[in-house]
PDB file of N, CA and C in Angstrom:
ATOM      1  N   UNK A   1      66.573  19.840 111.083  1.00  0.00           N
ATOM      2  CA  UNK A   1      66.952  20.778 110.776  1.00  0.00           C
ATOM      3  C   UNK A   1      67.611  21.254 109.698  1.00  0.00           C
ATOM      4  N   UNK A   2      66.916  22.113 109.468  1.00  0.00           N
ATOM      5  CA  UNK A   2      66.764  23.211 107.758  1.00  0.00           C
ATOM      6  C   UNK A   2      68.098  23.008 107.032  1.00  0.00           C
ATOM      7  N   UNK A   3      68.624  22.730 105.521  1.00  0.00           N
ATOM      8  CA  UNK A   3      69.741  23.047 105.271  1.00  0.00           C
ATOM      9  C   UNK A   3      69.901  24.441 105.164  1.00  0.00           C
ATOM     10  N   UNK A   4      71.129  25.237 105.130  1.00  0.00           N
ATOM     11  CA  UNK A   4      70.907  26.940 104.444  1.00  0.00           C
ATOM     12  C   UNK A   4      70.790  26.733 103.190  1.00  0.00           C
ATOM     13  N   UNK A   5      70.038  28.033 102.947  1.00  0.00           N
ATOM     14  CA  UNK A   5      69.804  28.575 101.772  1.00  0.00           C
ATOM     15  C   UNK A   5      71.055  28.576 100.759  1.00  0.00           C
ATOM     16  N   UNK A   6      70.685  28.615  99.590  1.00  0.00           N
ATOM     17  CA  UNK A   6      72.195  29.307  98.521  1.00  0.00           C
ATOM     18  C   UNK A   6      71.727  29.990  98.127  1.00  0.00           C
ATOM     19  N   UNK A   7      72.756  30.769  98.339  1.00  0.00           N
ATOM     20  CA  UNK A   7      72.232  32.481  97.820  1.00  0.00           C
ATOM     21  C   UNK A   7      72.580  32.306  96.317  1.00  0.00           C
ATOM     22  N   UNK A   8      72.323  33.762  95.905  1.00  0.00           N
ATOM     23  CA  UNK A   8      72.360  33.601  94.350  1.00  0.00           C
ATOM     24  C   UNK A   8      73.853  33.516  93.933  1.00  0.00           C
ATOM     25  N   UNK A   9      74.253  32.843  93.147  1.00  0.00           N
ATOM     26  CA  UNK A   9      76.078  33.004  92.728  1.00  0.00           C
ATOM     27  C   UNK A   9      76.893  32.275  93.579  1.00  0.00           C
ATOM     28  N   UNK A  10      75.804  32.023  94.787  1.00  0.00           N
ATOM     29  CA  UNK A  10      77.396  31.865  96.308  1.00  0.00           C
ATOM     30  C   UNK A  10      77.749  32.777  96.719  1.00  0.00           C
ATOM     31  N   UNK A  11      77.004  34.341  96.230  1.00  0.00           N
ATOM     32  CA  UNK A  11      78.137  35.538  96.736  1.00  0.00           C
ATOM     33  C   UNK A  11      77.932  36.144  97.771  1.00  0.00           C
ATOM     34  N   UNK A  12      79.030  36.649  98.501  1.00  0.00           N
ATOM     35  CA  UNK A  12      78.788  37.442  99.869  1.00  0.00           C
ATOM     36  C   UNK A  12      79.228  39.100  99.049  1.00  0.00           C
ATOM     37  N   UNK A  13      78.046  39.814  99.423  1.00  0.00           N
ATOM     38  CA  UNK A  13      78.331  41.286  99.036  1.00  0.00           C
ATOM     39  C   UNK A  13      77.867  41.750 100.435  1.00  0.00           C
ATOM     40  N   UNK A  14      79.098  43.073 100.627  1.00  0.00           N
ATOM     41  CA  UNK A  14      79.186  43.655 101.683  1.00  0.00           C
ATOM     42  C   UNK A  14      78.918  45.301 101.052  1.00  0.00           C
ATOM     43  N   UNK A  15      78.051  45.679 102.259  1.00  0.00           N
ATOM     44  CA  UNK A  15      76.915  46.713 101.729  1.00  0.00           C
ATOM     45  C   UNK A  15      77.579  47.753 103.026  1.00  0.00           C
ATOM     46  N   UNK A  16      78.278  49.118 102.622  1.00  0.00           N
ATOM     47  CA  UNK A  16      78.925  50.203 102.955  1.00  0.00           C
ATOM     48  C   UNK A  16      77.727  51.152 102.976  1.00  0.00           C
ATOM     49  N   UNK A  17      77.198  51.674 103.943  1.00  0.00           N
ATOM     50  CA  UNK A  17      76.399  53.509 103.674  1.00  0.00           C
ATOM     51  C   UNK A  17      77.611  54.803 103.422  1.00  0.00           C
ATOM     52  N   UNK A  18      76.867  55.425 102.579  1.00  0.00           N
ATOM     53  CA  UNK A  18      78.004  56.442 102.389  1.00  0.00           C
ATOM     54  C   UNK A  18      76.776  57.479 102.273  1.00  0.00           C
ATOM     55  N   UNK A  19      77.283  58.544 102.493  1.00  0.00           N
ATOM     56  CA  UNK A  19      76.503  60.037 102.388  1.00  0.00           C
ATOM     57  C   UNK A  19      77.066  60.578 100.307  1.00  0.00           C
ATOM     58  N   UNK A  20      78.425  60.105 100.336  1.00  0.00           N
ATOM     59  CA  UNK A  20      78.447  60.977  98.248  1.00  0.00           C
ATOM     60  C   UNK A  20      78.957  59.415  97.768  1.00  0.00           C
ATOM     61  N   UNK A  21      78.271  59.088  96.679  1.00  0.00           N
ATOM     62  CA  UNK A  21      78.503  57.923  96.102  1.00  0.00           C
ATOM     63  C   UNK A  21      80.143  57.688  95.222  1.00  0.00           C
ATOM     64  N   UNK A  22      80.053  59.105  94.837  1.00  0.00           N
ATOM     65  CA  UNK A  22      81.108  59.491  93.980  1.00  0.00           C
ATOM     66  C   UNK A  22      82.329  59.304  94.744  1.00  0.00           C
ATOM     67  N   UNK A  23      82.556  60.410  95.694  1.00  0.00           N
ATOM     68  CA  UNK A  23      83.298  60.377  96.505  1.00  0.00           C
ATOM     69  C   UNK A  23      84.106  58.701  97.231  1.00  0.00           C
ATOM     70  N   UNK A  24      83.210  58.415  97.607  1.00  0.00           N
ATOM     71  CA  UNK A  24      83.411  57.040  98.581  1.00  0.00           C
ATOM     72  C   UNK A  24      83.207  55.627  97.303  1.00  0.00           C
ATOM     73  N   UNK A  25      83.220  56.190  96.388  1.00  0.00           N
ATOM     74  CA  UNK A  25      83.715  54.833  95.187  1.00  0.00           C
ATOM     75  C   UNK A  25      85.277  55.113  94.592  1.00  0.00           C
ATOM     76  N   UNK A  26      85.650  56.400  94.373  1.00  0.00           N
ATOM     77  CA  UNK A  26      86.591  56.966  94.311  1.00  0.00           C
ATOM     78  C   UNK A  26      87.696  56.730  95.315  1.00  0.00           C
ATOM     79  N   UNK A  27      87.424  56.845  96.315  1.00  0.00           N
ATOM     80  CA  UNK A  27      88.392  56.048  97.813  1.00  0.00           C
ATOM     81  C   UNK A  27      88.792  54.677  97.604  1.00  0.00           C
ATOM     82  N   UNK A  28      87.562  53.936  97.750  1.00  0.00           N
ATOM     83  CA  UNK A  28      87.298  52.577  98.104  1.00  0.00           C
ATOM     84  C   UNK A  28      88.473  52.112  96.388  1.00  0.00           C
ATOM     85  N   UNK A  29      87.840  52.236  95.918  1.00  0.00           N
ATOM     86  CA  UNK A  29      88.434  51.407  94.113  1.00  0.00           C
ATOM     87  C   UNK A  29      89.538  51.442  94.454  1.00  0.00           C
ATOM     88  N   UNK A  30      90.297  53.007  94.906  1.00  0.00           N
ATOM     89  CA  UNK A  30      92.008  52.854  95.011  1.00  0.00           C
ATOM     90  C   UNK A  30      92.151  52.116  96.354  1.00  0.00           C
ATOM     91  N   UNK A  31      91.380  52.056  97.230  1.00  0.00           N
ATOM     92  CA  UNK A  31      92.074  51.207  98.644  1.00  0.00           C
ATOM     93  C   UNK A  31      91.789  50.103  98.345  1.00  0.00           C
ATOM     94  N   UNK A  32      91.354  49.360  97.524  1.00  0.00           N
ATOM     95  CA  UNK A  32      90.815  47.491  97.124  1.00  0.00           C
ATOM     96  C   UNK A  32      91.343  47.587  96.050  1.00  0.00           C
ATOM     97  N   UNK A  33      91.632  48.314  94.671  1.00  0.00           N
ATOM     98  CA  UNK A  33      92.188  48.020  93.857  1.00  0.00           C
ATOM     99  C   UNK A  33      91.189  47.483  92.559  1.00  0.00           C
ATOM    100  N   UNK A  34      89.894  47.569  92.947  1.00  0.00           N
ATOM    101  CA  UNK A  34      88.696  47.422  92.483  1.00  0.00           C
ATOM    102  C   UNK A  34      88.361  48.409  91.585  1.00  0.00           C
ATOM    103  N   UNK A  35      86.844  48.107  90.998  1.00  0.00           N
ATOM    104  CA  UNK A  35      86.465  48.863  89.537  1.00  0.00           C
ATOM    105  C   UNK A  35      84.777  49.051  89.642  1.00  0.00           C
ATOM    106  N   UNK A  36      84.272  50.610  89.151  1.00  0.00           N
ATOM    107  CA  UNK A  36      83.604  50.309  89.630  1.00  0.00           C
ATOM    108  C   UNK A  36      82.389  49.429  88.614  1.00  0.00           C
ATOM    109  N   UNK A  37      81.371  49.121  88.996  1.00  0.00           N
ATOM    110  CA  UNK A  37      80.391  48.276  87.799  1.00  0.00           C
ATOM    111  C   UNK A  37      79.286  48.623  87.948  1.00  0.00           C
ATOM    112  N   UNK A  38      78.603  49.023  86.949  1.00  0.00           N
ATOM    113  CA  UNK A  38      77.509  49.601  86.215  1.00  0.00           C
ATOM    114  C   UNK A  38      77.553  51.243  86.717  1.00  0.00           C
ATOM    115  N   UNK A  39      76.150  51.818  86.636  1.00  0.00           N
ATOM    116  CA  UNK A  39      75.912  53.125  86.913  1.00  0.00           C
ATOM    117  C   UNK A  39      75.581  53.495  88.385  1.00  0.00           C
ATOM    118  N   UNK A  40      76.055  54.590  89.097  1.00  0.00           N
ATOM    119  CA  UNK A  40      75.291  54.601  90.135  1.00  0.00           C
ATOM    120  C   UNK A  40      73.805  55.228  90.223  1.00  0.00           C
ATOM    121  N   UNK A  41      73.200  54.925  91.437  1.00  0.00           N
ATOM    122  CA  UNK A  41      72.005  55.771  91.359  1.00  0.00           C
ATOM    123  C   UNK A  41      72.044  55.725  92.852  1.00  0.00           C
ATOM    124  N   UNK A  42      71.235  54.972  93.405  1.00  0.00           N
ATOM    125  CA  UNK A  42      71.277  54.981  95.025  1.00  0.00           C
ATOM    126  C   UNK A  42      72.116  54.235  95.641  1.00  0.00           C
ATOM    127  N   UNK A  43      73.091  53.164  95.021  1.00  0.00           N
ATOM    128  CA  UNK A  43      74.224  52.514  94.951  1.00  0.00           C
ATOM    129  C   UNK A  43      74.979  52.278  93.913  1.00  0.00           C
ATOM    130  N   UNK A  44      75.926  51.633  94.287  1.00  0.00           N
ATOM    131  CA  UNK A  44      77.332  51.674  93.290  1.00  0.00           C
ATOM    132  C   UNK A  44      78.307  50.488  93.419  1.00  0.00           C
ATOM    133  N   UNK A  45      78.040  49.643  92.315  1.00  0.00           N
ATOM    134  CA  UNK A  45      78.664  48.288  92.959  1.00  0.00           C
ATOM    135  C   UNK A  45      80.270  48.683  92.476  1.00  0.00           C
ATOM    136  N   UNK A  46      81.234  47.985  93.659  1.00  0.00           N
ATOM    137  CA  UNK A  46      82.820  48.014  93.783  1.00  0.00           C
ATOM    138  C   UNK A  46      83.022  46.613  93.195  1.00  0.00           C
ATOM    139  N   UNK A  47      83.582  46.040  92.045  1.00  0.00           N
ATOM    140  CA  UNK A  47      84.319  44.669  91.887  1.00  0.00           C
ATOM    141  C   UNK A  47      85.363  44.450  92.013  1.00  0.00           C
ATOM    142  N   UNK A  48      86.180  43.454  92.277  1.00  0.00           N
ATOM    143  CA  UNK A  48      87.714  43.373  91.767  1.00  0.00           C
ATOM    144  C   UNK A  48      87.585  43.213  90.274  1.00  0.00           C
ATOM    145  N   UNK A  49      89.073  43.683  89.807  1.00  0.00           N
ATOM    146  CA  UNK A  49      89.254  44.143  88.634  1.00  0.00           C
ATOM    147  C   UNK A  49      89.600  42.061  88.010  1.00  0.00           C
ATOM    148  N   UNK A  50      89.962  41.699  89.037  1.00  0.00           N
ATOM    149  CA  UNK A  50      90.617  40.410  88.086  1.00  0.00           C
ATOM    150  C   UNK A  50      89.171  39.132  88.655  1.00  0.00           C
ATOM    151  N   UNK A  51      87.733  39.865  89.037  1.00  0.00           N
ATOM    152  CA  UNK A  51      86.663  39.218  89.299  1.00  0.00           C
ATOM    153  C   UNK A  51      86.940  37.841  90.347  1.00  0.00           C
ATOM    154  N   UNK A  52      88.200  37.858  91.287  1.00  0.00           N
ATOM    155  CA  UNK A  52      88.045  37.212  92.311  1.00  0.00           C
ATOM    156  C   UNK A  52      87.832  38.307  93.715  1.00  0.00           C
ATOM    157  N   UNK A  53      86.997  37.778  94.419  1.00  0.00           N
ATOM    158  CA  UNK A  53      87.017  38.725  95.704  1.00  0.00           C
ATOM    159  C   UNK A  53      85.342  39.018  95.845  1.00  0.00           C
ATOM    160  N   UNK A  54      85.549  39.779  96.912  1.00  0.00           N
ATOM    161  CA  UNK A  54      83.966  40.392  97.484  1.00  0.00           C
ATOM    162  C   UNK A  54      83.835  41.241  97.203  1.00  0.00           C
ATOM    163  N   UNK A  55      82.189  41.517  96.514  1.00  0.00           N
ATOM    164  CA  UNK A  55      81.511  42.861  95.657  1.00  0.00           C
ATOM    165  C   UNK A  55      81.495  43.710  96.956  1.00  0.00           C
ATOM    166  N   UNK A  56      81.644  45.040  97.379  1.00  0.00           N
ATOM    167  CA  UNK A  56      81.419  45.942  97.717  1.00  0.00           C
ATOM    168  C   UNK A  56      80.329  46.979  97.377  1.00  0.00           C
ATOM    169  N   UNK A  57      79.091  47.395  97.502  1.00  0.00           N
ATOM    170  CA  UNK A  57      77.979  48.082  97.674  1.00  0.00           C
ATOM    171  C   UNK A  57      77.908  49.250  98.379  1.00  0.00           C
ATOM    172  N   UNK A  58      78.524  50.473  97.709  1.00  0.00           N
ATOM    173  CA  UNK A  58      78.018  51.497  98.453  1.00  0.00           C
ATOM    174  C   UNK A  58      76.841  52.071  98.141  1.00  0.00           C
ATOM    175  N   UNK A  59      75.951  52.105  99.869  1.00  0.00           N
ATOM    176  CA  UNK A  59      74.367  52.432  99.442  1.00  0.00           C
ATOM    177  C   UNK A  59      74.954  53.921  99.677  1.00  0.00           C
ATOM    178  N   UNK A  60      73.928  54.628  98.871  1.00  0.00           N
ATOM    179  CA  UNK A  60      74.098  56.539  99.818  1.00  0.00           C
ATOM    180  C   UNK A  60      72.684  56.270 100.943  1.00  0.00           C
ATOM    181  N   UNK A  61      73.194  56.829 101.787  1.00  0.00           N
ATOM    182  CA  UNK A  61      71.973  57.261 102.836  1.00  0.00           C
ATOM    183  C   UNK A  61      71.870  58.781 102.839  1.00  0.00           C
ATOM    184  N   UNK A  62      70.945  59.073 103.673  1.00  0.00           N
ATOM    185  CA  UNK A  62      70.473  61.014 103.780  1.00  0.00           C
ATOM    186  C   UNK A  62      71.766  61.280 105.274  1.00  0.00           C
ATOM    187  N   UNK A  63      71.541  59.664 105.880  1.00  0.00           N
ATOM    188  CA  UNK A  63      72.010  60.705 108.005  1.00  0.00           C
ATOM    189  C   UNK A  63      73.121  59.900 107.599  1.00  0.00           C
ATOM    190  N   UNK A  64      73.929  60.950 109.062  1.00  0.00           N
ATOM    191  CA  UNK A  64      75.439  60.657 109.035  1.00  0.00           C
ATOM    192  C   UNK A  64      75.549  59.788 110.150  1.00  0.00           C
ATOM    193  N   UNK A  65      77.086  59.072 110.071  1.00  0.00           N
ATOM    194  CA  UNK A  65      76.973  57.704 110.723  1.00  0.00           C
ATOM    195  C   UNK A  65      77.188  58.543 111.807  1.00  0.00           C
ATOM    196  N   UNK A  66      77.015  57.549 112.907  1.00  0.00           N
ATOM    197  CA  UNK A  66      76.890  57.592 114.471  1.00  0.00           C
ATOM    198  C   UNK A  66      77.233  56.784 115.254  1.00  0.00           C
ATOM    199  N   UNK A  67      78.635  56.982 116.226  1.00  0.00           N
ATOM    200  CA  UNK A  67      78.365  55.537 116.687  1.00  0.00           C
ATOM    201  C   UNK A  67      79.950  54.580 116.091  1.00  0.00           C
ATOM    202  N   UNK A  68      79.864  53.844 116.817  1.00  0.00           N
ATOM    203  CA  UNK A  68      80.932  52.349 115.977  1.00  0.00           C
ATOM    204  C   UNK A  68      80.424  51.268 114.849  1.00  0.00           C
ATOM    205  N   UNK A  69      81.251  51.327 113.755  1.00  0.00           N
ATOM    206  CA  UNK A  69      80.599  49.828 113.150  1.00  0.00           C
ATOM    207  C   UNK A  69      80.520  48.921 114.342  1.00  0.00           C
ATOM    208  N   UNK A  70      79.194  48.038 113.769  1.00  0.00           N
ATOM    209  CA  UNK A  70      79.263  46.833 114.085  1.00  0.00           C
ATOM    210  C   UNK A  70      79.607  45.726 113.517  1.00  0.00           C
ATOM    211  N   UNK A  71      80.101  46.223 112.148  1.00  0.00           N
ATOM    212  CA  UNK A  71      80.762  45.092 111.358  1.00  0.00           C
ATOM    213  C   UNK A  71      81.744  46.094 110.304  1.00  0.00           C
ATOM    214  N   UNK A  72      82.754  45.561 109.897  1.00  0.00           N
ATOM    215  CA  UNK A  72      84.076  46.407 109.595  1.00  0.00           C
ATOM    216  C   UNK A  72      84.768  45.509 108.601  1.00  0.00           C
ATOM    217  N   UNK A  73      85.619  46.366 107.425  1.00  0.00           N
ATOM    218  CA  UNK A  73      86.444  45.781 106.708  1.00  0.00           C
ATOM    219  C   UNK A  73      87.913  45.726 107.621  1.00  0.00           C
ATOM    220  N   UNK A  74      88.625  44.790 107.375  1.00  0.00           N
ATOM    221  CA  UNK A  74      90.188  44.385 107.712  1.00  0.00           C
ATOM    222  C   UNK A  74      90.866  43.999 106.331  1.00  0.00           C
ATOM    223  N   UNK A  75      92.030  44.710 106.175  1.00  0.00           N
ATOM    224  CA  UNK A  75      92.476  45.093 105.106  1.00  0.00           C
ATOM    225  C   UNK A  75      93.896  44.430 105.624  1.00  0.00           C
ATOM    226  N   UNK A  76      93.999  43.044 105.363  1.00  0.00           N
ATOM    227  CA  UNK A  76      95.618  42.634 105.924  1.00  0.00           C
ATOM    228  C   UNK A  76      97.052  42.892 104.700  1.00  0.00           C
ATOM    229  N   UNK A  77      97.742  43.332 105.467  1.00  0.00           N
ATOM    230  CA  UNK A  77      99.341  43.698 104.473  1.00  0.00           C
ATOM    231  C   UNK A  77     100.254  42.978 105.034  1.00  0.00           C
ATOM    232  N   UNK A  78     101.091  43.103 104.838  1.00  0.00           N
ATOM    233  CA  UNK A  78     102.878  42.964 105.143  1.00  0.00           C
ATOM    234  C   UNK A  78     103.142  43.826 105.568  1.00  0.00           C
ATOM    235  N   UNK A  79     103.177  45.083 105.025  1.00  0.00           N
ATOM    236  CA  UNK A  79     103.466  46.434 105.590  1.00  0.00           C
ATOM    237  C   UNK A  79     102.707  47.484 106.426  1.00  0.00           C
ATOM    238  N   UNK A  80     102.650  47.351 107.395  1.00  0.00           N
ATOM    239  CA  UNK A  80     101.515  47.986 108.128  1.00  0.00           C
ATOM    240  C   UNK A  80     101.063  49.497 107.901  1.00  0.00           C
ATOM    241  N   UNK A  81     103.087  49.958 107.975  1.00  0.00           N
ATOM    242  CA  UNK A  81     103.008  51.699 108.426  1.00  0.00           C
ATOM    243  C   UNK A  81     103.258  51.810 106.826  1.00  0.00           C
ATOM    244  N   UNK A  82     103.683  51.030 105.829  1.00  0.00           N
ATOM    245  CA  UNK A  82     103.096  51.507 104.393  1.00  0.00           C
ATOM    246  C   UNK A  82     102.215  51.655 104.049  1.00  0.00           C
ATOM    247  N   UNK A  83     101.274  51.177 104.308  1.00  0.00           N
ATOM    248  CA  UNK A  83      99.585  50.558 103.941  1.00  0.00           C
ATOM    249  C   UNK A  83      98.567  51.493 104.216  1.00  0.00           C
ATOM    250  N   UNK A  84      99.792  51.795 106.152  1.00  0.00           N
ATOM    251  CA  UNK A  84      98.216  52.743 106.453  1.00  0.00           C
ATOM    252  C   UNK A  84      98.623  54.371 105.843  1.00  0.00           C
ATOM    253  N   UNK A  85      99.871  54.549 105.467  1.00  0.00           N
ATOM    254  CA  UNK A  85     100.412  55.405 104.552  1.00  0.00           C
ATOM    255  C   UNK A  85      99.866  55.655 104.125  1.00  0.00           C
ATOM    256  N   UNK A  86      99.321  54.916 103.036  1.00  0.00           N
ATOM    257  CA  UNK A  86      99.004  54.574 101.564  1.00  0.00           C
ATOM    258  C   UNK A  86      97.581  55.047 101.590  1.00  0.00           C
ATOM    259  N   UNK A  87      96.911  54.690 102.244  1.00  0.00           N
ATOM    260  CA  UNK A  87      95.462  54.570 102.645  1.00  0.00           C
ATOM    261  C   UNK A  87      94.959  56.218 103.198  1.00  0.00           C
ATOM    262  N   UNK A  88      96.037  56.615 103.975  1.00  0.00           N
ATOM    263  CA  UNK A  88      96.373  57.909 104.417  1.00  0.00           C
ATOM    264  C   UNK A  88      96.036  59.443 103.419  1.00  0.00           C
ATOM    265  N   UNK A  89      96.732  58.940 102.448  1.00  0.00           N
ATOM    266  CA  UNK A  89      96.845  59.394 100.880  1.00  0.00           C
ATOM    267  C   UNK A  89      95.909  60.179  99.901  1.00  0.00           C
ATOM    268  N   UNK A  90      94.766  58.310 100.650  1.00  0.00           N
ATOM    269  CA  UNK A  90      93.723  58.890  99.375  1.00  0.00           C
ATOM    270  C   UNK A  90      92.571  59.528 100.542  1.00  0.00           C
ATOM    271  N   UNK A  91      92.709  59.371 101.527  1.00  0.00           N
ATOM    272  CA  UNK A  91      91.200  60.164 101.933  1.00  0.00           C
ATOM    273  C   UNK A  91      90.989  59.672 103.733  1.00  0.00           C
ATOM    274  N   UNK A  92      91.771  58.473 103.814  1.00  0.00           N
ATOM    275  CA  UNK A  92      91.491  57.863 105.548  1.00  0.00           C
ATOM    276  C   UNK A  92      91.996  58.965 106.445  1.00  0.00           C
ATOM    277  N   UNK A  93      91.180  58.728 107.598  1.00  0.00           N
ATOM    278  CA  UNK A  93      91.727  59.230 108.758  1.00  0.00           C
ATOM    279  C   UNK A  93      91.914  57.846 110.039  1.00  0.00           C
ATOM    280  N   UNK A  94      93.372  58.098 110.670  1.00  0.00           N
ATOM    281  CA  UNK A  94      94.023  57.202 111.282  1.00  0.00           C
ATOM    282  C   UNK A  94      93.428  57.540 112.711  1.00  0.00           C
ATOM    283  N   UNK A  95      92.733  56.289 113.334  1.00  0.00           N
ATOM    284  CA  UNK A  95      91.944  56.750 114.629  1.00  0.00           C
ATOM    285  C   UNK A  95      92.649  56.651 115.935  1.00  0.00           C
ATOM    286  N   UNK A  96      93.620  55.453 115.816  1.00  0.00           N
ATOM    287  CA  UNK A  96      94.490  54.926 116.780  1.00  0.00           C
ATOM    288  C   UNK A  96      95.868  55.863 116.458  1.00  0.00           C
ATOM    289  N   UNK A  97      96.494  56.470 118.007  1.00  0.00           N
ATOM    290  CA  UNK A  97      97.421  56.890 118.173  1.00  0.00           C
ATOM    291  C   UNK A  97      98.614  55.923 117.547  1.00  0.00           C
ATOM    292  N   UNK A  98      98.906  54.713 118.190  1.00  0.00           N
ATOM    293  CA  UNK A  98     100.088  53.673 118.127  1.00  0.00           C
ATOM    294  C   UNK A  98      99.311  52.278 117.492  1.00  0.00           C
ATOM    295  N   UNK A  99      99.693  51.401 117.019  1.00  0.00           N
ATOM    296  CA  UNK A  99      99.346  50.320 116.466  1.00  0.00           C
ATOM    297  C   UNK A  99      99.310  49.300 117.383  1.00  0.00           C
ATOM    298  N   UNK A 100      97.676  48.433 117.548  1.00  0.00           N
ATOM    299  CA  UNK A 100      97.375  47.869 118.575  1.00  0.00           C
ATOM    300  C   UNK A 100      98.084  46.489 118.114  1.00  0.00           C
ATOM    301  N   UNK A 101      98.115  45.793 119.493  1.00  0.00           N
ATOM    302  CA  UNK A 101      99.109  44.724 119.226  1.00  0.00           C
ATOM    303  C   UNK A 101      98.065  43.478 120.134  1.00  0.00           C
ATOM    304  N   UNK A 102      98.022  41.912 119.508  1.00  0.00           N
ATOM    305  CA  UNK A 102      97.176  41.259 119.957  1.00  0.00           C
ATOM    306  C   UNK A 102      97.974  39.691 119.308  1.00  0.00           C
ATOM    307  N   UNK A 103      98.307  38.896 119.792  1.00  0.00           N
ATOM    308  CA  UNK A 103      98.792  37.921 119.675  1.00  0.00           C
ATOM    309  C   UNK A 103      99.320  37.848 118.650  1.00  0.00           C
ATOM    310  N   UNK A 104     100.315  38.575 118.559  1.00  0.00           N
ATOM    311  CA  UNK A 104     101.382  38.480 117.193  1.00  0.00           C
ATOM    312  C   UNK A 104     100.979  39.418 115.989  1.00  0.00           C
ATOM    313  N   UNK A 105      99.385  39.999 116.070  1.00  0.00           N
ATOM    314  CA  UNK A 105      99.018  40.694 115.130  1.00  0.00           C
ATOM    315  C   UNK A 105      98.892  42.536 115.721  1.00  0.00           C
ATOM    316  N   UNK A 106      99.343  42.771 114.859  1.00  0.00           N
ATOM    317  CA  UNK A 106      99.520  44.575 115.192  1.00  0.00           C
ATOM    318  C   UNK A 106      98.727  45.567 114.135  1.00  0.00           C
ATOM    319  N   UNK A 107      97.943  46.462 114.382  1.00  0.00           N
ATOM    320  CA  UNK A 107      96.961  46.823 113.328  1.00  0.00           C
ATOM    321  C   UNK A 107      96.661  47.850 114.103  1.00  0.00           C
ATOM    322  N   UNK A 108      96.108  49.238 112.839  1.00  0.00           N
ATOM    323  CA  UNK A 108      95.503  50.439 113.194  1.00  0.00           C
ATOM    324  C   UNK A 108      93.826  50.673 112.696  1.00  0.00           C
ATOM    325  N   UNK A 109      93.430  51.241 113.770  1.00  0.00           N
ATOM    326  CA  UNK A 109      91.837  51.595 113.149  1.00  0.00           C
ATOM    327  C   UNK A 109      91.593  52.922 112.320  1.00  0.00           C
ATOM    328  N   UNK A 110      91.269  52.733 111.113  1.00  0.00           N
ATOM    329  CA  UNK A 110      91.276  54.057 110.686  1.00  0.00           C
ATOM    330  C   UNK A 110      89.719  54.161 110.167  1.00  0.00           C
ATOM    331  N   UNK A 111      89.525  55.386 109.720  1.00  0.00           N
ATOM    332  CA  UNK A 111      87.935  55.950 108.973  1.00  0.00           C
ATOM    333  C   UNK A 111      87.946  56.382 107.914  1.00  0.00           C
ATOM    334  N   UNK A 112      87.170  55.884 106.971  1.00  0.00           N
ATOM    335  CA  UNK A 112      86.976  56.167 105.539  1.00  0.00           C
ATOM    336  C   UNK A 112      86.101  57.353 105.531  1.00  0.00           C
ATOM    337  N   UNK A 113      86.234  58.303 103.851  1.00  0.00           N
ATOM    338  CA  UNK A 113      85.520  59.830 104.032  1.00  0.00           C
ATOM    339  C   UNK A 113      84.516  59.589 105.038  1.00  0.00           C
ATOM    340  N   UNK A 114      83.867  58.916 105.178  1.00  0.00           N
ATOM    341  CA  UNK A 114      82.374  59.251 105.238  1.00  0.00           C
ATOM    342  C   UNK A 114      82.085  58.914 107.172  1.00  0.00           C
ATOM    343  N   UNK A 115      83.381  58.340 107.567  1.00  0.00           N
ATOM    344  CA  UNK A 115      83.483  57.856 109.136  1.00  0.00           C
ATOM    345  C   UNK A 115      83.372  56.705 109.333  1.00  0.00           C
ATOM    346  N   UNK A 116      83.484  55.703 108.477  1.00  0.00           N
ATOM    347  CA  UNK A 116      83.165  54.654 108.628  1.00  0.00           C
ATOM    348  C   UNK A 116      84.420  53.792 108.989  1.00  0.00           C
ATOM    349  N   UNK A 117      84.730  53.140 110.189  1.00  0.00           N
ATOM    350  CA  UNK A 117      86.094  52.647 110.608  1.00  0.00           C
ATOM    351  C   UNK A 117      86.220  51.256 109.337  1.00  0.00           C
ATOM    352  N   UNK A 118      87.598  50.993 109.447  1.00  0.00           N
ATOM    353  CA  UNK A 118      88.097  49.751 109.040  1.00  0.00           C
ATOM    354  C   UNK A 118      89.216  49.916 109.929  1.00  0.00           C
ATOM    355  N   UNK A 119      90.389  48.425 109.610  1.00  0.00           N
ATOM    356  CA  UNK A 119      91.615  47.937 109.934  1.00  0.00           C
ATOM    357  C   UNK A 119      92.647  48.015 108.455  1.00  0.00           C
ATOM    358  N   UNK A 120      93.401  48.162 109.368  1.00  0.00           N
ATOM    359  CA  UNK A 120      95.056  47.753 108.389  1.00  0.00           C
ATOM    360  C   UNK A 120      95.357  46.638 109.502  1.00  0.00           C
ATOM    361  N   UNK A 121      95.608  45.506 109.167  1.00  0.00           N
ATOM    362  CA  UNK A 121      96.225  44.711 109.966  1.00  0.00           C
ATOM    363  C   UNK A 121      97.370  44.163 109.188  1.00  0.00           C
ATOM    364  N   UNK A 122      98.616  44.020 110.169  1.00  0.00           N
ATOM    365  CA  UNK A 122      99.967  43.020 109.922  1.00  0.00           C
ATOM    366  C   UNK A 122      99.865  41.948 110.923  1.00  0.00           C
ATOM    367  N   UNK A 123      99.937  40.913 110.265  1.00  0.00           N
ATOM    368  CA  UNK A 123      99.759  39.099 110.593  1.00  0.00           C
ATOM    369  C   UNK A 123     101.139  39.198 111.324  1.00  0.00           C
ATOM    370  N   UNK A 124     100.919  37.955 112.204  1.00  0.00           N
ATOM    371  CA  UNK A 124     102.509  37.825 112.589  1.00  0.00           C
ATOM    372  C   UNK A 124     103.222  37.318 111.511  1.00  0.00           C
ATOM    373  N   UNK A 125     104.841  37.268 112.262  1.00  0.00           N
ATOM    374  CA  UNK A 125     105.907  37.231 111.056  1.00  0.00           C
ATOM    375  C   UNK A 125     105.692  35.778 111.255  1.00  0.00           C
TER     376      UNK A 125
END
């Protein structure tokens, strides 16, 4: 069996399809505490301010989101309700009426301004 390929800089980049680069960059930089990197075109890179973490690459697409995401971001927090309230103020929509609870975890499913789902989770105490 062949060894896995080594990717450039050993980095993982998460790509999110969006309709409006500026709106989405504003939303996600505020949610994640990231900053924009480089000039936008079809793409806008978002990187951690301290350089530690995964790059998020926003990709402008012409089609609208349809159906459930097959891959999504999970944001872990120690205060579920406070973090959900914070990201709602930034423009997210909450898709769950009550927190989902499983194996000691609880979370809400939310959508960003483009309708992409993500979860805000609180781990077991």
